[in-house]
Amino acid sequence: QVQLVESGGGLVQAGGSLRLSCAASGRTFSSIAMGWFRQAPGKEREFVAAISWSGGSTVYADSVKGRFTISRDNAKNTVYLQMNSLKPEDTFVYYCAASKVLFSRVPGQRVYEYNYWGQGTQVTVAS
């Protein structure tokens, strides 16, 4: 079982930056892929970024590539999402997610590939 708690959301002006953090409990954190997704009210949850268990492989949605960076600190059981050059269209609730598959080399991009979810943190980008 893995429990996830996100933090770092808030209100920022367009062009600004935020760093989201996701603290995980559980002894398997360093063995599993982690992802960030985002969702608007009434819409499907969409993939943002993911990172493999070792941090050696990362993937990004085209809409955030070059602006967002996912990273992890396995010693702290924490995954981060650094968001730069934010745009109003980045306004969503952001969710951290953890896979159940151990030592997967390629982090997943689909909601169904993740078994554990945080409560979400709101990011609002003002124009």
Foldseek 3Di string as FASTA:
>chain_A
DKAKAKDWADEEAQQAKIKMKIAMDDDQLLFWKKFKWWDDPPDDIFGAKIAGSPRPDIDGDPVQPPFWDWGDDVVRRMIMIIGGNDDQVVWTWMKMFIAPDTNDPYDDGDPVRTDYIYPTDTHGYHD
